[in-house]
All heavy atoms as atom14 arrays in JSON, in Angstrom:
{
  "sequence": "SPEGLPEPNDPGFVRAAAESIRALTAVTGGRAFV",
  "atom14_mask": [
    [1, 1, 1, 1, 1, 1, 0, 0, 0, 0, 0, 0, 0, 0],
    [1, 1, 1, 1, 1, 1, 1, 0, 0, 0, 0, 0, 0, 0],
    [1, 1, 1, 1, 1, 1, 1, 1, 1, 0, 0, 0, 0, 0],
    [1, 1, 1, 1, 0, 0, 0, 0, 0, 0, 0, 0, 0, 0],
    [1, 1, 1, 1, 1, 1, 1, 1, 0, 0, 0, 0, 0, 0],
    [1, 1, 1, 1, 1, 1, 1, 0, 0, 0, 0, 0, 0, 0],
    [1, 1, 1, 1, 1, 1, 1, 1, 1, 0, 0, 0, 0, 0],
    [1, 1, 1, 1, 1, 1, 1, 0, 0, 0, 0, 0, 0, 0],
    [1, 1, 1, 1, 1, 1, 1, 1, 0, 0, 0, 0, 0, 0],
    [1, 1, 1, 1, 1, 1, 1, 1, 0, 0, 0, 0, 0, 0],
    [1, 1, 1, 1, 1, 1, 1, 0, 0, 0, 0, 0, 0, 0],
    [1, 1, 1, 1, 0, 0, 0, 0, 0, 0, 0, 0, 0, 0],
    [1, 1, 1, 1, 1, 1, 1, 1, 1, 1, 1, 0, 0, 0],
    [1, 1, 1, 1, 1, 1, 1, 0, 0, 0, 0, 0, 0, 0],
    [1, 1, 1, 1, 1, 1, 1, 1, 1, 1, 1, 0, 0, 0],
    [1, 1, 1, 1, 1, 0, 0, 0, 0, 0, 0, 0, 0, 0],
    [1, 1, 1, 1, 1, 0, 0, 0, 0, 0, 0, 0, 0, 0],
    [1, 1, 1, 1, 1, 0, 0, 0, 0, 0, 0, 0, 0, 0],
    [1, 1, 1, 1, 1, 1, 1, 1, 1, 0, 0, 0, 0, 0],
    [1, 1, 1, 1, 1, 1, 0, 0, 0, 0, 0, 0, 0, 0],
    [1, 1, 1, 1, 1, 1, 1, 1, 0, 0, 0, 0, 0, 0],
    [1, 1, 1, 1, 1, 1, 1, 1, 1, 1, 1, 0, 0, 0],
    [1, 1, 1, 1, 1, 0, 0, 0, 0, 0, 0, 0, 0, 0],
    [1, 1, 1, 1, 1, 1, 1, 1, 0, 0, 0, 0, 0, 0],
    [1, 1, 1, 1, 1, 1, 1, 0, 0, 0, 0, 0, 0, 0],
    [1, 1, 1, 1, 1, 0, 0, 0, 0, 0, 0, 0, 0, 0],
    [1, 1, 1, 1, 1, 1, 1, 0, 0, 0, 0, 0, 0, 0],
    [1, 1, 1, 1, 1, 1, 1, 0, 0, 0, 0, 0, 0, 0],
    [1, 1, 1, 1, 0, 0, 0, 0, 0, 0, 0, 0, 0, 0],
    [1, 1, 1, 1, 0, 0, 0, 0, 0, 0, 0, 0, 0, 0],
    [1, 1, 1, 1, 1, 1, 1, 1, 1, 1, 1, 0, 0, 0],
    [1, 1, 1, 1, 1, 0, 0, 0, 0, 0, 0, 0, 0, 0],
    [1, 1, 1, 1, 1, 1, 1, 1, 1, 1, 1, 0, 0, 0],
    [1, 1, 1, 1, 1, 1, 1, 0, 0, 0, 0, 0, 0, 0]
  ],
  "atom14_positions": [
    [[8.86, -0.17, -4.95], [8.08, 1.03, -5.27], [6.94, 0.6, -6.19], [7.09, 0.56, -7.41], [8.96, 2.08, -5.96], [8.19, 3.22, -6.3], [0.0, 0.0, 0.0], [0.0, 0.0, 0.0], [0.0, 0.0, 0.0], [0.0, 0.0, 0.0], [0.0, 0.0, 0.0], [0.0, 0.0, 0.0], [0.0, 0.0, 0.0], [0.0, 0.0, 0.0]],
    [[5.8, 0.2, -5.62], [4.72, -0.4, -6.42], [4.19, 0.54, -7.5], [3.94, 1.73, -7.24], [3.64, -0.71, -5.38], [4.34, -0.72, -4.06], [5.44, 0.28, -4.18], [0.0, 0.0, 0.0], [0.0, 0.0, 0.0], [0.0, 0.0, 0.0], [0.0, 0.0, 0.0], [0.0, 0.0, 0.0], [0.0, 0.0, 0.0], [0.0, 0.0, 0.0]],
    [[4.05, 0.02, -8.69], [3.5, 0.81, -9.79], [2.0, 1.02, -9.59], [1.33, 0.26, -8.91], [3.72, 0.07, -11.12], [5.17, 0.01, -11.56], [5.33, -0.74, -12.87], [4.58, -1.71, -13.09], [6.22, -0.36, -13.64], [0.0, 0.0, 0.0], [0.0, 0.0, 0.0], [0.0, 0.0, 0.0], [0.0, 0.0, 0.0], [0.0, 0.0, 0.0]],
    [[1.5, 2.09, -10.2], [0.06, 2.3, -10.27], [-0.56, 3.07, -9.13], [-1.76, 3.36, -9.15], [0.0, 0.0, 0.0], [0.0, 0.0, 0.0], [0.0, 0.0, 0.0], [0.0, 0.0, 0.0], [0.0, 0.0, 0.0], [0.0, 0.0, 0.0], [0.0, 0.0, 0.0], [0.0, 0.0, 0.0], [0.0, 0.0, 0.0], [0.0, 0.0, 0.0]],
    [[0.21, 3.43, -8.11], [-0.35, 4.2, -6.99], [-0.48, 5.67, -7.37], [0.39, 6.22, -8.06], [0.54, 4.07, -5.75], [0.53, 2.72, -5.03], [1.6, 2.7, -3.95], [-0.84, 2.45, -4.41], [0.0, 0.0, 0.0], [0.0, 0.0, 0.0], [0.0, 0.0, 0.0], [0.0, 0.0, 0.0], [0.0, 0.0, 0.0], [0.0, 0.0, 0.0]],
    [[-1.54, 6.34, -6.93], [-1.64, 7.79, -7.15], [-0.64, 8.53, -6.27], [-0.07, 7.96, -5.33], [-3.08, 8.11, -6.74], [-3.47, 7.03, -5.8], [-2.71, 5.81, -6.22], [0.0, 0.0, 0.0], [0.0, 0.0, 0.0], [0.0, 0.0, 0.0], [0.0, 0.0, 0.0], [0.0, 0.0, 0.0], [0.0, 0.0, 0.0], [0.0, 0.0, 0.0]],
    [[-0.4, 9.82, -6.56], [0.49, 10.62, -5.72], [-0.13, 10.81, -4.33], [-1.37, 10.75, -4.18], [0.79, 11.97, -6.38], [1.67, 11.83, -7.61], [2.43, 13.12, -7.93], [2.22, 14.14, -7.23], [3.24, 13.1, -8.86], [0.0, 0.0, 0.0], [0.0, 0.0, 0.0], [0.0, 0.0, 0.0], [0.0, 0.0, 0.0], [0.0, 0.0, 0.0]],
    [[0.68, 11.06, -3.32], [0.17, 11.1, -1.93], [-0.92, 12.13, -1.67], [-1.74, 11.93, -0.77], [1.43, 11.42, -1.11], [2.54, 10.89, -1.92], [2.15, 11.13, -3.35], [0.0, 0.0, 0.0], [0.0, 0.0, 0.0], [0.0, 0.0, 0.0], [0.0, 0.0, 0.0], [0.0, 0.0, 0.0], [0.0, 0.0, 0.0], [0.0, 0.0, 0.0]],
    [[-0.96, 13.22, -2.42], [-1.99, 14.23, -2.18], [-3.29, 13.93, -2.94], [-4.27, 14.67, -2.8], [-1.48, 15.61, -2.58], [-0.4, 16.11, -1.64], [-0.39, 15.75, -0.46], [0.51, 16.92, -2.13], [0.0, 0.0, 0.0], [0.0, 0.0, 0.0], [0.0, 0.0, 0.0], [0.0, 0.0, 0.0], [0.0, 0.0, 0.0], [0.0, 0.0, 0.0]],
    [[-3.3, 12.89, -3.74], [-4.5, 12.5, -4.48], [-5.55, 11.96, -3.5], [-5.21, 11.21, -2.58], [-4.14, 11.43, -5.51], [-5.3, 11.1, -6.44], [-6.28, 10.48, -5.98], [-5.22, 11.48, -7.62], [0.0, 0.0, 0.0], [0.0, 0.0, 0.0], [0.0, 0.0, 0.0], [0.0, 0.0, 0.0], [0.0, 0.0, 0.0], [0.0, 0.0, 0.0]],
    [[-6.83, 12.32, -3.67], [-7.86, 11.83, -2.74], [-7.95, 10.31, -2.66], [-8.4, 9.76, -1.66], [-9.16, 12.41, -3.33], [-8.72, 13.61, -4.12], [-7.37, 13.27, -4.67], [0.0, 0.0, 0.0], [0.0, 0.0, 0.0], [0.0, 0.0, 0.0], [0.0, 0.0, 0.0], [0.0, 0.0, 0.0], [0.0, 0.0, 0.0], [0.0, 0.0, 0.0]],
    [[-7.51, 9.61, -3.71], [-7.6, 8.16, -3.69], [-6.37, 7.47, -3.16], [-6.3, 6.22, -3.16], [0.0, 0.0, 0.0], [0.0, 0.0, 0.0], [0.0, 0.0, 0.0], [0.0, 0.0, 0.0], [0.0, 0.0, 0.0], [0.0, 0.0, 0.0], [0.0, 0.0, 0.0], [0.0, 0.0, 0.0], [0.0, 0.0, 0.0], [0.0, 0.0, 0.0]],
    [[-5.38, 8.25, -2.66], [-4.12, 7.64, -2.23], [-4.3, 6.67, -1.07], [-3.78, 5.55, -1.1], [-3.1, 8.71, -1.86], [-1.84, 8.16, -1.25], [-0.9, 7.52, -2.04], [-1.59, 8.26, 0.11], [0.26, 6.99, -1.49], [-0.44, 7.74, 0.68], [0.49, 7.11, -0.14], [0.0, 0.0, 0.0], [0.0, 0.0, 0.0], [0.0, 0.0, 0.0]],
    [[-4.99, 7.08, -0.03], [-5.1, 6.23, 1.17], [-5.73, 4.9, 0.83], [-5.25, 3.84, 1.25], [-5.87, 6.96, 2.29], [-6.21, 5.99, 3.42], [-5.05, 8.12, 2.84], [0.0, 0.0, 0.0], [0.0, 0.0, 0.0], [0.0, 0.0, 0.0], [0.0, 0.0, 0.0], [0.0, 0.0, 0.0], [0.0, 0.0, 0.0], [0.0, 0.0, 0.0]],
    [[-6.81, 4.91, 0.05], [-7.47, 3.65, -0.31], [-6.53, 2.74, -1.11], [-6.39, 1.55, -0.8], [-8.74, 3.94, -1.12], [-9.48, 2.67, -1.56], [-10.62, 3.01, -2.5], [-10.14, 3.73, -3.67], [-9.53, 3.15, -4.7], [-9.29, 1.84, -4.69], [-9.14, 3.87, -5.73], [0.0, 0.0, 0.0], [0.0, 0.0, 0.0], [0.0, 0.0, 0.0]],
    [[-5.86, 3.31, -2.12], [-4.97, 2.5, -2.95], [-3.76, 2.02, -2.15], [-3.33, 0.86, -2.3], [-4.51, 3.32, -4.16], [0.0, 0.0, 0.0], [0.0, 0.0, 0.0], [0.0, 0.0, 0.0], [0.0, 0.0, 0.0], [0.0, 0.0, 0.0], [0.0, 0.0, 0.0], [0.0, 0.0, 0.0], [0.0, 0.0, 0.0], [0.0, 0.0, 0.0]],
    [[-3.21, 2.9, -1.31], [-2.05, 2.51, -0.5], [-2.41, 1.42, 0.49], [-1.62, 0.51, 0.77], [-1.48, 3.73, 0.23], [0.0, 0.0, 0.0], [0.0, 0.0, 0.0], [0.0, 0.0, 0.0], [0.0, 0.0, 0.0], [0.0, 0.0, 0.0], [0.0, 0.0, 0.0], [0.0, 0.0, 0.0], [0.0, 0.0, 0.0], [0.0, 0.0, 0.0]],
    [[-3.63, 1.48, 1.04], [-4.07, 0.44, 1.98], [-4.13, -0.92, 1.29], [-3.78, -1.95, 1.9], [-5.43, 0.8, 2.57], [0.0, 0.0, 0.0], [0.0, 0.0, 0.0], [0.0, 0.0, 0.0], [0.0, 0.0, 0.0], [0.0, 0.0, 0.0], [0.0, 0.0, 0.0], [0.0, 0.0, 0.0], [0.0, 0.0, 0.0], [0.0, 0.0, 0.0]],
    [[-4.54, -0.95, 0.02], [-4.55, -2.21, -0.72], [-3.13, -2.73, -0.91], [-2.88, -3.94, -0.85], [-5.25, -2.03, -2.07], [-6.75, -1.83, -1.97], [-7.42, -2.97, -1.22], [-7.14, -4.15, -1.55], [-8.21, -2.7, -0.29], [0.0, 0.0, 0.0], [0.0, 0.0, 0.0], [0.0, 0.0, 0.0], [0.0, 0.0, 0.0], [0.0, 0.0, 0.0]],
    [[-2.18, -1.82, -1.17], [-0.78, -2.24, -1.29], [-0.26, -2.79, 0.02], [0.51, -3.76, 0.05], [0.09, -1.05, -1.74], [-0.17, -0.72, -3.09], [0.0, 0.0, 0.0], [0.0, 0.0, 0.0], [0.0, 0.0, 0.0], [0.0, 0.0, 0.0], [0.0, 0.0, 0.0], [0.0, 0.0, 0.0], [0.0, 0.0, 0.0], [0.0, 0.0, 0.0]],
    [[-0.65, -2.18, 1.15], [-0.24, -2.68, 2.46], [-0.74, -4.1, 2.66], [-0.01, -4.98, 3.12], [-0.75, -1.74, 3.58], [-0.03, -0.38, 3.51], [-0.56, -2.39, 4.95], [-0.62, 0.67, 4.43], [0.0, 0.0, 0.0], [0.0, 0.0, 0.0], [0.0, 0.0, 0.0], [0.0, 0.0, 0.0], [0.0, 0.0, 0.0], [0.0, 0.0, 0.0]],
    [[-1.99, -4.35, 2.27], [-2.56, -5.7, 2.39], [-1.74, -6.7, 1.57], [-1.39, -7.78, 2.04], [-4.0, -5.71, 1.92], [-4.98, -5.04, 2.87], [-6.4, -5.07, 2.31], [-7.34, -4.66, 3.32], [-7.84, -5.46, 4.26], [-7.46, -6.73, 4.29], [-8.69, -5.01, 5.15], [0.0, 0.0, 0.0], [0.0, 0.0, 0.0], [0.0, 0.0, 0.0]],
    [[-1.45, -6.31, 0.32], [-0.74, -7.24, -0.57], [0.69, -7.49, -0.1], [1.18, -8.62, -0.14], [-0.74, -6.67, -1.99], [0.0, 0.0, 0.0], [0.0, 0.0, 0.0], [0.0, 0.0, 0.0], [0.0, 0.0, 0.0], [0.0, 0.0, 0.0], [0.0, 0.0, 0.0], [0.0, 0.0, 0.0], [0.0, 0.0, 0.0], [0.0, 0.0, 0.0]],
    [[1.36, -6.45, 0.36], [2.75, -6.58, 0.79], [2.87, -7.39, 2.09], [3.78, -8.22, 2.23], [3.38, -5.2, 0.97], [3.68, -4.45, -0.34], [3.87, -2.96, -0.07], [4.93, -5.03, -1.02], [0.0, 0.0, 0.0], [0.0, 0.0, 0.0], [0.0, 0.0, 0.0], [0.0, 0.0, 0.0], [0.0, 0.0, 0.0], [0.0, 0.0, 0.0]],
    [[1.97, -7.16, 3.04], [2.05, -7.92, 4.29], [1.74, -9.39, 4.06], [2.22, -10.25, 4.81], [1.1, -7.34, 5.36], [-0.23, -7.25, 4.82], [1.55, -5.96, 5.8], [0.0, 0.0, 0.0], [0.0, 0.0, 0.0], [0.0, 0.0, 0.0], [0.0, 0.0, 0.0], [0.0, 0.0, 0.0], [0.0, 0.0, 0.0], [0.0, 0.0, 0.0]],
    [[0.97, -9.68, 3.02], [0.71, -11.08, 2.69], [1.99, -11.79, 2.21], [2.16, -12.99, 2.41], [-0.37, -11.18, 1.61], [0.0, 0.0, 0.0], [0.0, 0.0, 0.0], [0.0, 0.0, 0.0], [0.0, 0.0, 0.0], [0.0, 0.0, 0.0], [0.0, 0.0, 0.0], [0.0, 0.0, 0.0], [0.0, 0.0, 0.0], [0.0, 0.0, 0.0]],
    [[2.91, -11.03, 1.61], [4.17, -11.6, 1.12], [5.01, -12.11, 2.29], [5.57, -13.21, 2.25], [4.96, -10.57, 0.3], [6.37, -11.08, -0.01], [4.22, -10.23, -0.99], [0.0, 0.0, 0.0], [0.0, 0.0, 0.0], [0.0, 0.0, 0.0], [0.0, 0.0, 0.0], [0.0, 0.0, 0.0], [0.0, 0.0, 0.0], [0.0, 0.0, 0.0]],
    [[5.11, -11.32, 3.35], [6.0, -11.66, 4.47], [5.25, -12.28, 5.65], [5.86, -12.56, 6.68], [6.74, -10.4, 4.96], [5.78, -9.4, 5.33], [7.66, -9.86, 3.89], [0.0, 0.0, 0.0], [0.0, 0.0, 0.0], [0.0, 0.0, 0.0], [0.0, 0.0, 0.0], [0.0, 0.0, 0.0], [0.0, 0.0, 0.0], [0.0, 0.0, 0.0]],
    [[3.93, -12.47, 5.51], [3.17, -13.02, 6.64], [3.1, -12.06, 7.8], [3.32, -12.45, 8.95], [0.0, 0.0, 0.0], [0.0, 0.0, 0.0], [0.0, 0.0, 0.0], [0.0, 0.0, 0.0], [0.0, 0.0, 0.0], [0.0, 0.0, 0.0], [0.0, 0.0, 0.0], [0.0, 0.0, 0.0], [0.0, 0.0, 0.0], [0.0, 0.0, 0.0]],
    [[2.8, -10.79, 7.49], [2.82, -9.76, 8.54], [4.25, -9.35, 8.81], [4.99, -9.03, 7.88], [0.0, 0.0, 0.0], [0.0, 0.0, 0.0], [0.0, 0.0, 0.0], [0.0, 0.0, 0.0], [0.0, 0.0, 0.0], [0.0, 0.0, 0.0], [0.0, 0.0, 0.0], [0.0, 0.0, 0.0], [0.0, 0.0, 0.0], [0.0, 0.0, 0.0]],
    [[4.64, -9.3, 10.1], [6.01, -8.96, 10.5], [6.43, -7.63, 9.9], [7.53, -7.48, 9.37], [6.98, -10.07, 10.07], [6.67, -11.44, 10.65], [7.69, -12.47, 10.18], [7.45, -13.75, 10.82], [6.65, -14.7, 10.34], [6.03, -14.5, 9.2], [6.49, -15.84, 10.98], [0.0, 0.0, 0.0], [0.0, 0.0, 0.0], [0.0, 0.0, 0.0]],
    [[5.54, -6.64, 9.99], [5.77, -5.39, 9.27], [5.57, -4.17, 10.15], [4.69, -4.14, 11.02], [4.82, -5.31, 8.07], [0.0, 0.0, 0.0], [0.0, 0.0, 0.0], [0.0, 0.0, 0.0], [0.0, 0.0, 0.0], [0.0, 0.0, 0.0], [0.0, 0.0, 0.0], [0.0, 0.0, 0.0], [0.0, 0.0, 0.0], [0.0, 0.0, 0.0]],
    [[6.4, -3.15, 9.91], [6.16, -1.79, 10.38], [5.54, -1.01, 9.22], [6.05, -1.09, 8.09], [7.47, -1.09, 10.74], [8.02, -1.39, 12.11], [7.38, -2.27, 12.97], [9.19, -0.78, 12.54], [7.91, -2.55, 14.23], [9.73, -1.04, 13.78], [9.09, -1.92, 14.63], [0.0, 0.0, 0.0], [0.0, 0.0, 0.0], [0.0, 0.0, 0.0]],
    [[4.48, -0.28, 9.48], [3.96, 0.69, 8.52], [4.26, 2.07, 9.11], [3.6, 2.51, 10.05], [2.45, 0.5, 8.28], [1.96, 1.53, 7.24], [2.16, -0.91, 7.79], [0.0, 0.0, 0.0], [0.0, 0.0, 0.0], [0.0, 0.0, 0.0], [0.0, 0.0, 0.0], [0.0, 0.0, 0.0], [0.0, 0.0, 0.0], [0.0, 0.0, 0.0]]
  ]
}
């Protein structure tokens, strides 16, 4: 549960969550369901 993300209804959620997706997929080398 990554710290620092805004709540889902916040206008900035999608942008911040997309950055988390980038960082997390780098950990496992892809191989991910979103």
